[in-house]
PDB file of N, CA and C in Angstrom:
ATOM      1  N   MET A   1      77.556 -40.047 129.318  1.00  0.00           N
ATOM      2  CA  MET A   1      78.431 -39.303 129.470  1.00  0.00           C
ATOM      3  C   MET A   1      78.273 -39.398 131.572  1.00  0.00           C
ATOM      4  N   PRO A   2      79.395 -39.588 132.068  1.00  0.00           N
ATOM      5  CA  PRO A   2      79.479 -39.658 133.398  1.00  0.00           C
ATOM      6  C   PRO A   2      79.724 -38.363 133.775  1.00  0.00           C
ATOM      7  N   ASP A   3      78.842 -37.749 134.705  1.00  0.00           N
ATOM      8  CA  ASP A   3      78.649 -36.491 135.283  1.00  0.00           C
ATOM      9  C   ASP A   3      80.404 -36.142 135.564  1.00  0.00           C
ATOM     10  N   CYS A   4      81.278 -37.342 135.663  1.00  0.00           N
ATOM     11  CA  CYS A   4      82.781 -36.592 136.812  1.00  0.00           C
ATOM     12  C   CYS A   4      83.731 -36.330 135.779  1.00  0.00           C
ATOM     13  N   PHE A   5      83.455 -36.061 134.451  1.00  0.00           N
ATOM     14  CA  PHE A   5      84.597 -35.463 133.279  1.00  0.00           C
ATOM     15  C   PHE A   5      83.488 -34.241 132.680  1.00  0.00           C
ATOM     16  N   SER A   6      84.502 -33.607 132.678  1.00  0.00           N
ATOM     17  CA  SER A   6      83.963 -32.254 131.358  1.00  0.00           C
ATOM     18  C   SER A   6      83.520 -32.619 129.922  1.00  0.00           C
ATOM     19  N   PHE A   7      82.731 -32.265 129.414  1.00  0.00           N
ATOM     20  CA  PHE A   7      82.338 -32.597 128.104  1.00  0.00           C
ATOM     21  C   PHE A   7      83.921 -32.605 127.312  1.00  0.00           C
ATOM     22  N   LEU A   8      84.490 -31.565 127.326  1.00  0.00           N
ATOM     23  CA  LEU A   8      85.725 -32.201 126.425  1.00  0.00           C
ATOM     24  C   LEU A   8      86.718 -32.514 127.191  1.00  0.00           C
ATOM     25  N   ALA A   9      86.913 -32.606 127.827  1.00  0.00           N
ATOM     26  CA  ALA A   9      87.842 -34.214 128.527  1.00  0.00           C
ATOM     27  C   ALA A   9      87.367 -35.671 128.159  1.00  0.00           C
ATOM     28  N   TRP A  10      85.924 -35.541 128.385  1.00  0.00           N
ATOM     29  CA  TRP A  10      85.504 -36.797 127.746  1.00  0.00           C
ATOM     30  C   TRP A  10      85.581 -37.161 126.413  1.00  0.00           C
ATOM     31  N   ASN A  11      85.323 -36.000 125.402  1.00  0.00           N
ATOM     32  CA  ASN A  11      85.590 -36.244 123.992  1.00  0.00           C
ATOM     33  C   ASN A  11      87.057 -36.414 123.997  1.00  0.00           C
ATOM     34  N   ILE A  12      87.997 -35.807 124.346  1.00  0.00           N
ATOM     35  CA  ILE A  12      89.553 -36.374 124.194  1.00  0.00           C
ATOM     36  C   ILE A  12      89.837 -37.318 124.696  1.00  0.00           C
ATOM     37  N   ILE A  13      89.201 -37.860 125.443  1.00  0.00           N
ATOM     38  CA  ILE A  13      89.575 -39.540 125.953  1.00  0.00           C
ATOM     39  C   ILE A  13      88.695 -40.652 125.204  1.00  0.00           C
ATOM     40  N   GLU A  14      87.401 -40.124 124.768  1.00  0.00           N
ATOM     41  CA  GLU A  14      87.058 -40.953 123.760  1.00  0.00           C
ATOM     42  C   GLU A  14      87.350 -41.228 122.198  1.00  0.00           C
ATOM     43  N   ILE A  15      88.260 -40.150 121.465  1.00  0.00           N
ATOM     44  CA  ILE A  15      89.162 -39.699 120.812  1.00  0.00           C
ATOM     45  C   ILE A  15      89.792 -41.721 120.685  1.00  0.00           C
ATOM     46  N   TYR A  16      90.748 -40.990 121.647  1.00  0.00           N
ATOM     47  CA  TYR A  16      92.088 -41.883 121.903  1.00  0.00           C
ATOM     48  C   TYR A  16      91.306 -43.260 122.268  1.00  0.00           C
ATOM     49  N   TRP A  17      89.985 -43.455 122.719  1.00  0.00           N
ATOM     50  CA  TRP A  17      89.297 -44.663 122.653  1.00  0.00           C
ATOM     51  C   TRP A  17      89.252 -45.492 121.521  1.00  0.00           C
ATOM     52  N   ASN A  18      88.713 -44.517 120.678  1.00  0.00           N
ATOM     53  CA  ASN A  18      87.958 -45.007 119.071  1.00  0.00           C
ATOM     54  C   ASN A  18      88.904 -45.401 118.498  1.00  0.00           C
ATOM     55  N   GLY A  19      90.019 -44.686 118.648  1.00  0.00           N
ATOM     56  CA  GLY A  19      91.300 -44.918 117.799  1.00  0.00           C
ATOM     57  C   GLY A  19      92.296 -46.388 117.894  1.00  0.00           C
ATOM     58  N   GLY A  20      91.649 -46.598 119.094  1.00  0.00           N
ATOM     59  CA  GLY A  20      92.399 -48.174 119.498  1.00  0.00           C
ATOM     60  C   GLY A  20      93.230 -47.739 120.599  1.00  0.00           C
ATOM     61  N   GLY A  21      93.675 -46.788 120.953  1.00  0.00           N
ATOM     62  CA  GLY A  21      94.583 -46.594 121.679  1.00  0.00           C
ATOM     63  C   GLY A  21      94.422 -47.214 123.000  1.00  0.00           C
ATOM     64  N   PHE A  22      93.266 -47.461 123.443  1.00  0.00           N
ATOM     65  CA  PHE A  22      92.859 -48.078 124.580  1.00  0.00           C
ATOM     66  C   PHE A  22      92.940 -49.403 124.528  1.00  0.00           C
ATOM     67  N   MET A  23      92.410 -50.100 125.521  1.00  0.00           N
ATOM     68  CA  MET A  23      91.993 -51.774 125.728  1.00  0.00           C
ATOM     69  C   MET A  23      90.925 -51.918 125.152  1.00  0.00           C
ATOM     70  N   GLU A  24      90.443 -52.537 123.961  1.00  0.00           N
ATOM     71  CA  GLU A  24      89.868 -52.549 122.821  1.00  0.00           C
ATOM     72  C   GLU A  24      88.797 -53.682 123.322  1.00  0.00           C
ATOM     73  N   ASN A  25      89.169 -54.100 124.473  1.00  0.00           N
ATOM     74  CA  ASN A  25      87.800 -55.230 124.553  1.00  0.00           C
ATOM     75  C   ASN A  25      87.016 -54.448 125.986  1.00  0.00           C
ATOM     76  N   LEU A  26      87.645 -53.493 126.577  1.00  0.00           N
ATOM     77  CA  LEU A  26      86.962 -52.765 127.928  1.00  0.00           C
ATOM     78  C   LEU A  26      86.668 -51.688 127.208  1.00  0.00           C
ATOM     79  N   PRO A  27      84.983 -51.013 127.713  1.00  0.00           N
ATOM     80  CA  PRO A  27      83.969 -50.451 127.515  1.00  0.00           C
ATOM     81  C   PRO A  27      84.965 -48.932 127.937  1.00  0.00           C
ATOM     82  N   LEU A  28      84.819 -48.083 127.499  1.00  0.00           N
ATOM     83  CA  LEU A  28      84.949 -46.582 128.563  1.00  0.00           C
ATOM     84  C   LEU A  28      85.155 -46.511 129.385  1.00  0.00           C
ATOM     85  N   SER A  29      83.359 -46.723 129.582  1.00  0.00           N
ATOM     86  CA  SER A  29      83.061 -46.475 130.976  1.00  0.00           C
ATOM     87  C   SER A  29      84.013 -47.354 132.347  1.00  0.00           C
ATOM     88  N   ASP A  30      83.805 -48.508 131.638  1.00  0.00           N
ATOM     89  CA  ASP A  30      84.686 -49.734 133.325  1.00  0.00           C
ATOM     90  C   ASP A  30      85.681 -49.072 132.718  1.00  0.00           C
ATOM     91  N   PHE A  31      86.481 -48.608 131.732  1.00  0.00           N
ATOM     92  CA  PHE A  31      88.373 -47.797 132.064  1.00  0.00           C
ATOM     93  C   PHE A  31      88.323 -47.184 132.771  1.00  0.00           C
ATOM     94  N   TRP A  32      87.400 -45.899 132.905  1.00  0.00           N
ATOM     95  CA  TRP A  32      87.481 -44.822 133.794  1.00  0.00           C
ATOM     96  C   TRP A  32      87.083 -45.577 135.526  1.00  0.00           C
ATOM     97  N   ASP A  33      86.101 -46.376 135.411  1.00  0.00           N
ATOM     98  CA  ASP A  33      86.118 -46.887 136.551  1.00  0.00           C
ATOM     99  C   ASP A  33      86.739 -47.591 137.179  1.00  0.00           C
ATOM    100  N   ALA A  34      87.906 -48.268 136.665  1.00  0.00           N
ATOM    101  CA  ALA A  34      88.860 -48.690 137.282  1.00  0.00           C
ATOM    102  C   ALA A  34      89.741 -47.528 137.597  1.00  0.00           C
ATOM    103  N   ILE A  35      90.100 -47.026 136.335  1.00  0.00           N
ATOM    104  CA  ILE A  35      91.405 -45.914 136.666  1.00  0.00           C
ATOM    105  C   ILE A  35      90.614 -44.852 137.985  1.00  0.00           C
ATOM    106  N   LEU A  36      89.755 -44.704 138.687  1.00  0.00           N
ATOM    107  CA  LEU A  36      89.124 -43.742 139.519  1.00  0.00           C
ATOM    108  C   LEU A  36      88.481 -44.678 140.690  1.00  0.00           C
ATOM    109  N   SER A  37      88.862 -45.757 140.889  1.00  0.00           N
ATOM    110  CA  SER A  37      88.370 -46.831 141.959  1.00  0.00           C
ATOM    111  C   SER A  37      88.756 -46.664 143.429  1.00  0.00           C
ATOM    112  N   ARG A  38      90.517 -46.171 143.000  1.00  0.00           N
ATOM    113  CA  ARG A  38      91.449 -46.160 143.915  1.00  0.00           C
ATOM    114  C   ARG A  38      91.758 -47.439 145.036  1.00  0.00           C
ATOM    115  N   ASN A  39      91.698 -48.714 143.440  1.00  0.00           N
ATOM    116  CA  ASN A  39      91.870 -49.959 143.914  1.00  0.00           C
ATOM    117  C   ASN A  39      93.361 -50.110 142.849  1.00  0.00           C
ATOM    118  N   PRO A  40      94.466 -50.560 143.992  1.00  0.00           N
ATOM    119  CA  PRO A  40      95.898 -50.372 143.038  1.00  0.00           C
ATOM    120  C   PRO A  40      95.767 -51.119 141.985  1.00  0.00           C
ATOM    121  N   ARG A  41      95.528 -52.610 142.346  1.00  0.00           N
ATOM    122  CA  ARG A  41      95.141 -53.696 141.145  1.00  0.00           C
ATOM    123  C   ARG A  41      94.553 -53.034 139.641  1.00  0.00           C
ATOM    124  N   LEU A  42      93.182 -52.671 140.046  1.00  0.00           N
ATOM    125  CA  LEU A  42      92.232 -52.252 138.865  1.00  0.00           C
ATOM    126  C   LEU A  42      93.165 -51.157 138.328  1.00  0.00           C
ATOM    127  N   ILE A  43      93.452 -50.109 138.981  1.00  0.00           N
ATOM    128  CA  ILE A  43      94.516 -49.202 138.287  1.00  0.00           C
ATOM    129  C   ILE A  43      95.247 -49.302 137.199  1.00  0.00           C
ATOM    130  N   ARG A  44      95.680 -50.251 138.248  1.00  0.00           N
ATOM    131  CA  ARG A  44      97.432 -50.905 137.199  1.00  0.00           C
ATOM    132  C   ARG A  44      97.294 -51.905 135.864  1.00  0.00           C
ATOM    133  N   GLU A  45      95.876 -52.689 136.010  1.00  0.00           N
ATOM    134  CA  GLU A  45      95.304 -53.266 135.038  1.00  0.00           C
ATOM    135  C   GLU A  45      94.446 -52.713 133.834  1.00  0.00           C
ATOM    136  N   ALA A  46      94.460 -51.486 134.043  1.00  0.00           N
ATOM    137  CA  ALA A  46      93.660 -50.834 133.472  1.00  0.00           C
ATOM    138  C   ALA A  46      94.755 -49.568 132.517  1.00  0.00           C
ATOM    139  N   PHE A  47      95.851 -49.060 133.147  1.00  0.00           N
ATOM    140  CA  PHE A  47      96.908 -48.456 132.747  1.00  0.00           C
ATOM    141  C   PHE A  47      97.445 -49.242 131.781  1.00  0.00           C
ATOM    142  N   VAL A  48      98.094 -50.279 132.376  1.00  0.00           N
ATOM    143  CA  VAL A  48      99.291 -50.864 131.765  1.00  0.00           C
ATOM    144  C   VAL A  48      98.949 -51.264 130.033  1.00  0.00           C
ATOM    145  N   GLY A  49      97.614 -51.346 129.702  1.00  0.00           N
ATOM    146  CA  GLY A  49      97.248 -51.602 128.416  1.00  0.00           C
ATOM    147  C   GLY A  49      97.359 -50.797 127.732  1.00  0.00           C
ATOM    148  N   LEU A  50      97.296 -49.620 128.006  1.00  0.00           N
ATOM    149  CA  LEU A  50      97.617 -47.913 127.246  1.00  0.00           C
ATOM    150  C   LEU A  50      98.685 -47.702 126.423  1.00  0.00           C
ATOM    151  N   ASP A  51      98.616 -47.412 125.072  1.00  0.00           N
ATOM    152  CA  ASP A  51      99.753 -46.851 124.605  1.00  0.00           C
ATOM    153  C   ASP A  51     100.544 -45.905 124.957  1.00  0.00           C
ATOM    154  N   GLU A  52     101.045 -45.491 124.426  1.00  0.00           N
ATOM    155  CA  GLU A  52     102.182 -44.468 125.604  1.00  0.00           C
ATOM    156  C   GLU A  52     101.340 -42.766 125.332  1.00  0.00           C
ATOM    157  N   SER A  53     100.872 -42.647 124.113  1.00  0.00           N
ATOM    158  CA  SER A  53      99.920 -41.504 123.642  1.00  0.00           C
ATOM    159  C   SER A  53      98.785 -41.397 124.609  1.00  0.00           C
ATOM    160  N   SER A  54      98.070 -42.927 125.066  1.00  0.00           N
ATOM    161  CA  SER A  54      97.253 -42.582 125.645  1.00  0.00           C
ATOM    162  C   SER A  54      97.315 -42.596 127.137  1.00  0.00           C
ATOM    163  N   LYS A  55      98.503 -43.109 127.390  1.00  0.00           N
ATOM    164  CA  LYS A  55      98.753 -42.966 129.031  1.00  0.00           C
ATOM    165  C   LYS A  55      99.123 -41.386 129.368  1.00  0.00           C
ATOM    166  N   THR A  56      99.829 -40.982 128.129  1.00  0.00           N
ATOM    167  CA  THR A  56     100.034 -39.588 128.353  1.00  0.00           C
ATOM    168  C   THR A  56      99.110 -38.422 128.436  1.00  0.00           C
ATOM    169  N   ALA A  57      97.652 -38.963 127.900  1.00  0.00           N
ATOM    170  CA  ALA A  57      96.399 -38.093 127.874  1.00  0.00           C
ATOM    171  C   ALA A  57      95.863 -38.555 129.117  1.00  0.00           C
ATOM    172  N   VAL A  58      95.702 -39.806 130.206  1.00  0.00           N
ATOM    173  CA  VAL A  58      95.052 -40.054 130.944  1.00  0.00           C
ATOM    174  C   VAL A  58      95.815 -39.505 132.163  1.00  0.00           C
ATOM    175  N   MET A  59      96.793 -39.004 131.511  1.00  0.00           N
ATOM    176  CA  MET A  59      97.587 -38.903 133.474  1.00  0.00           C
ATOM    177  C   MET A  59      97.222 -37.710 133.535  1.00  0.00           C
ATOM    178  N   ALA A  60      97.397 -36.853 131.830  1.00  0.00           N
ATOM    179  CA  ALA A  60      97.199 -35.002 132.089  1.00  0.00           C
ATOM    180  C   ALA A  60      95.523 -35.101 132.677  1.00  0.00           C
ATOM    181  N   HIS A  61      94.787 -36.064 132.505  1.00  0.00           N
ATOM    182  CA  HIS A  61      93.322 -35.610 132.748  1.00  0.00           C
ATOM    183  C   HIS A  61      93.562 -35.687 134.331  1.00  0.00           C
ATOM    184  N   LEU A  62      93.901 -36.570 134.580  1.00  0.00           N
ATOM    185  CA  LEU A  62      94.310 -37.205 135.956  1.00  0.00           C
ATOM    186  C   LEU A  62      95.114 -35.795 137.114  1.00  0.00           C
ATOM    187  N   GLU A  63      96.199 -35.412 136.164  1.00  0.00           N
ATOM    188  CA  GLU A  63      96.581 -34.540 137.018  1.00  0.00           C
ATOM    189  C   GLU A  63      95.666 -33.016 137.208  1.00  0.00           C
ATOM    190  N   LYS A  64      94.611 -33.061 135.813  1.00  0.00           N
ATOM    191  CA  LYS A  64      93.744 -31.625 136.036  1.00  0.00           C
ATOM    192  C   LYS A  64      92.898 -31.915 137.035  1.00  0.00           C
ATOM    193  N   MET A  65      92.112 -33.302 137.210  1.00  0.00           N
ATOM    194  CA  MET A  65      91.292 -33.428 138.091  1.00  0.00           C
ATOM    195  C   MET A  65      91.776 -33.575 139.415  1.00  0.00           C
ATOM    196  N   ALA A  66      93.158 -33.609 139.687  1.00  0.00           N
ATOM    197  CA  ALA A  66      93.839 -33.402 141.595  1.00  0.00           C
ATOM    198  C   ALA A  66      94.269 -32.078 141.486  1.00  0.00           C
ATOM    199  N   THR A  67      94.596 -31.186 140.388  1.00  0.00           N
ATOM    200  CA  THR A  67      94.405 -30.060 140.837  1.00  0.00           C
ATOM    201  C   THR A  67      93.858 -28.845 140.646  1.00  0.00           C
ATOM    202  N   GLU A  68      92.778 -28.991 139.868  1.00  0.00           N
ATOM    203  CA  GLU A  68      91.807 -28.070 139.257  1.00  0.00           C
ATOM    204  C   GLU A  68      90.841 -27.529 140.423  1.00  0.00           C
ATOM    205  N   SER A  69      90.569 -26.592 140.243  1.00  0.00           N
ATOM    206  CA  SER A  69      88.684 -26.678 140.983  1.00  0.00           C
ATOM    207  C   SER A  69      88.031 -27.220 140.331  1.00  0.00           C
ATOM    208  N   GLY A  70      86.898 -27.410 140.920  1.00  0.00           N
ATOM    209  CA  GLY A  70      85.412 -27.288 140.077  1.00  0.00           C
ATOM    210  C   GLY A  70      84.728 -29.163 140.169  1.00  0.00           C
ATOM    211  N   TRP A  71      85.889 -29.660 140.734  1.00  0.00           N
ATOM    212  CA  TRP A  71      85.757 -31.283 140.538  1.00  0.00           C
ATOM    213  C   TRP A  71      85.195 -31.700 142.110  1.00  0.00           C
ATOM    214  N   HIS A  72      84.523 -32.767 142.622  1.00  0.00           N
ATOM    215  CA  HIS A  72      83.825 -32.777 143.320  1.00  0.00           C
ATOM    216  C   HIS A  72      84.899 -33.570 144.504  1.00  0.00           C
ATOM    217  N   PRO A  73      84.709 -33.528 145.514  1.00  0.00           N
ATOM    218  CA  PRO A  73      86.326 -33.735 146.495  1.00  0.00           C
ATOM    219  C   PRO A  73      86.583 -35.181 146.471  1.00  0.00           C
ATOM    220  N   GLU A  74      85.523 -36.626 146.355  1.00  0.00           N
ATOM    221  CA  GLU A  74      85.762 -37.936 145.765  1.00  0.00           C
ATOM    222  C   GLU A  74      86.482 -37.837 144.505  1.00  0.00           C
ATOM    223  N   GLN A  75      86.318 -37.033 143.573  1.00  0.00           N
ATOM    224  CA  GLN A  75      87.270 -37.308 142.667  1.00  0.00           C
ATOM    225  C   GLN A  75      88.248 -36.938 142.177  1.00  0.00           C
ATOM    226  N   VAL A  76      88.495 -35.895 143.391  1.00  0.00           N
ATOM    227  CA  VAL A  76      89.803 -35.476 143.565  1.00  0.00           C
ATOM    228  C   VAL A  76      90.743 -36.217 144.310  1.00  0.00           C
ATOM    229  N   LYS A  77      89.966 -37.220 145.276  1.00  0.00           N
ATOM    230  CA  LYS A  77      90.880 -38.311 145.950  1.00  0.00           C
ATOM    231  C   LYS A  77      91.080 -39.249 145.030  1.00  0.00           C
ATOM    232  N   SER A  78      89.906 -39.778 144.194  1.00  0.00           N
ATOM    233  CA  SER A  78      90.440 -40.946 143.309  1.00  0.00           C
ATOM    234  C   SER A  78      91.786 -40.720 142.252  1.00  0.00           C
ATOM    235  N   ALA A  79      91.617 -39.800 141.549  1.00  0.00           N
ATOM    236  CA  ALA A  79      92.528 -39.196 141.002  1.00  0.00           C
ATOM    237  C   ALA A  79      93.882 -38.634 141.689  1.00  0.00           C
ATOM    238  N   LYS A  80      93.715 -38.384 142.858  1.00  0.00           N
ATOM    239  CA  LYS A  80      95.594 -38.708 143.309  1.00  0.00           C
ATOM    240  C   LYS A  80      95.462 -40.022 143.444  1.00  0.00           C
ATOM    241  N   ALA A  81      94.912 -40.704 143.968  1.00  0.00           N
ATOM    242  CA  ALA A  81      94.813 -42.149 143.987  1.00  0.00           C
ATOM    243  C   ALA A  81      95.403 -42.934 142.705  1.00  0.00           C
ATOM    244  N   ALA A  82      94.999 -42.583 142.141  1.00  0.00           N
ATOM    245  CA  ALA A  82      95.699 -43.106 140.539  1.00  0.00           C
ATOM    246  C   ALA A  82      96.906 -42.860 140.451  1.00  0.00           C
ATOM    247  N   LEU A  83      96.978 -41.272 140.545  1.00  0.00           N
ATOM    248  CA  LEU A  83      98.274 -40.757 139.977  1.00  0.00           C
ATOM    249  C   LEU A  83      99.170 -41.724 140.825  1.00  0.00           C
ATOM    250  N   VAL A  84      99.297 -41.563 141.714  1.00  0.00           N
ATOM    251  CA  VAL A  84      99.895 -42.783 143.245  1.00  0.00           C
ATOM    252  C   VAL A  84     100.646 -43.899 142.759  1.00  0.00           C
ATOM    253  N   VAL A  85      99.477 -44.507 142.154  1.00  0.00           N
ATOM    254  CA  VAL A  85      99.763 -45.808 142.046  1.00  0.00           C
ATOM    255  C   VAL A  85     100.756 -46.041 140.207  1.00  0.00           C
ATOM    256  N   ILE A  86     100.244 -44.843 139.395  1.00  0.00           N
ATOM    257  CA  ILE A  86     100.158 -44.919 138.327  1.00  0.00           C
ATOM    258  C   ILE A  86     102.080 -44.156 138.535  1.00  0.00           C
ATOM    259  N   HIS A  87     102.427 -43.784 139.009  1.00  0.00           N
ATOM    260  CA  HIS A  87     103.541 -42.912 139.290  1.00  0.00           C
ATOM    261  C   HIS A  87     104.608 -43.785 140.064  1.00  0.00           C
ATOM    262  N   GLY A  88     104.121 -45.081 140.575  1.00  0.00           N
ATOM    263  CA  GLY A  88     104.903 -46.161 141.229  1.00  0.00           C
ATOM    264  C   GLY A  88     105.299 -47.018 140.514  1.00  0.00           C
ATOM    265  N   MET A  89     104.171 -47.515 139.404  1.00  0.00           N
ATOM    266  CA  MET A  89     104.456 -48.184 138.234  1.00  0.00           C
ATOM    267  C   MET A  89     105.503 -47.809 137.573  1.00  0.00           C
ATOM    268  N   ASN A  90     105.778 -46.660 137.240  1.00  0.00           N
ATOM    269  CA  ASN A  90     106.844 -45.985 136.601  1.00  0.00           C
ATOM    270  C   ASN A  90     108.405 -46.259 136.983  1.00  0.00           C
ATOM    271  N   VAL A  91     108.469 -45.974 138.173  1.00  0.00           N
ATOM    272  CA  VAL A  91     109.526 -45.484 138.914  1.00  0.00           C
ATOM    273  C   VAL A  91     109.986 -47.461 139.184  1.00  0.00           C
ATOM    274  N   LYS A  92     109.100 -48.288 139.656  1.00  0.00           N
ATOM    275  CA  LYS A  92     109.377 -49.995 139.055  1.00  0.00           C
ATOM    276  C   LYS A  92     110.026 -50.238 137.585  1.00  0.00           C
ATOM    277  N   THR A  93     109.014 -49.713 136.712  1.00  0.00           N
ATOM    278  CA  THR A  93     109.270 -49.830 135.458  1.00  0.00           C
ATOM    279  C   THR A  93     110.904 -49.234 134.991  1.00  0.00           C
ATOM    280  N   ARG A  94     111.359 -47.961 135.349  1.00  0.00           N
ATOM    281  CA  ARG A  94     112.781 -47.380 135.010  1.00  0.00           C
ATOM    282  C   ARG A  94     113.878 -48.411 136.300  1.00  0.00           C
ATOM    283  N   ARG A  95     113.737 -48.626 137.491  1.00  0.00           N
ATOM    284  CA  ARG A  95     114.625 -49.397 137.880  1.00  0.00           C
ATOM    285  C   ARG A  95     114.740 -51.089 137.241  1.00  0.00           C
ATOM    286  N   SER A  96     113.958 -51.887 136.533  1.00  0.00           N
ATOM    287  CA  SER A  96     114.389 -53.123 136.129  1.00  0.00           C
ATOM    288  C   SER A  96     115.348 -53.088 134.764  1.00  0.00           C
TER     289      SER A  96
END
């Protein structure tokens, strides 16, 4: 288990993953590597394949990482970068 996730948060995300909510061909650690990569293309590619409940869970976790204490400063930066990209995707989708 990567040290960047609390035990509870990791298990919540793993439940969604095992339920088939995430991209089935992408290992969970690779998914989070992409989401936290600060690379807009990787973030979009990982996020776009999620179902709505998984998107909600991922965004809630990123919000916690970005706003709650206890996270490493680099994790906070990565979470904030992911949220900017994801919010940008949502704006483009609503305009279409």
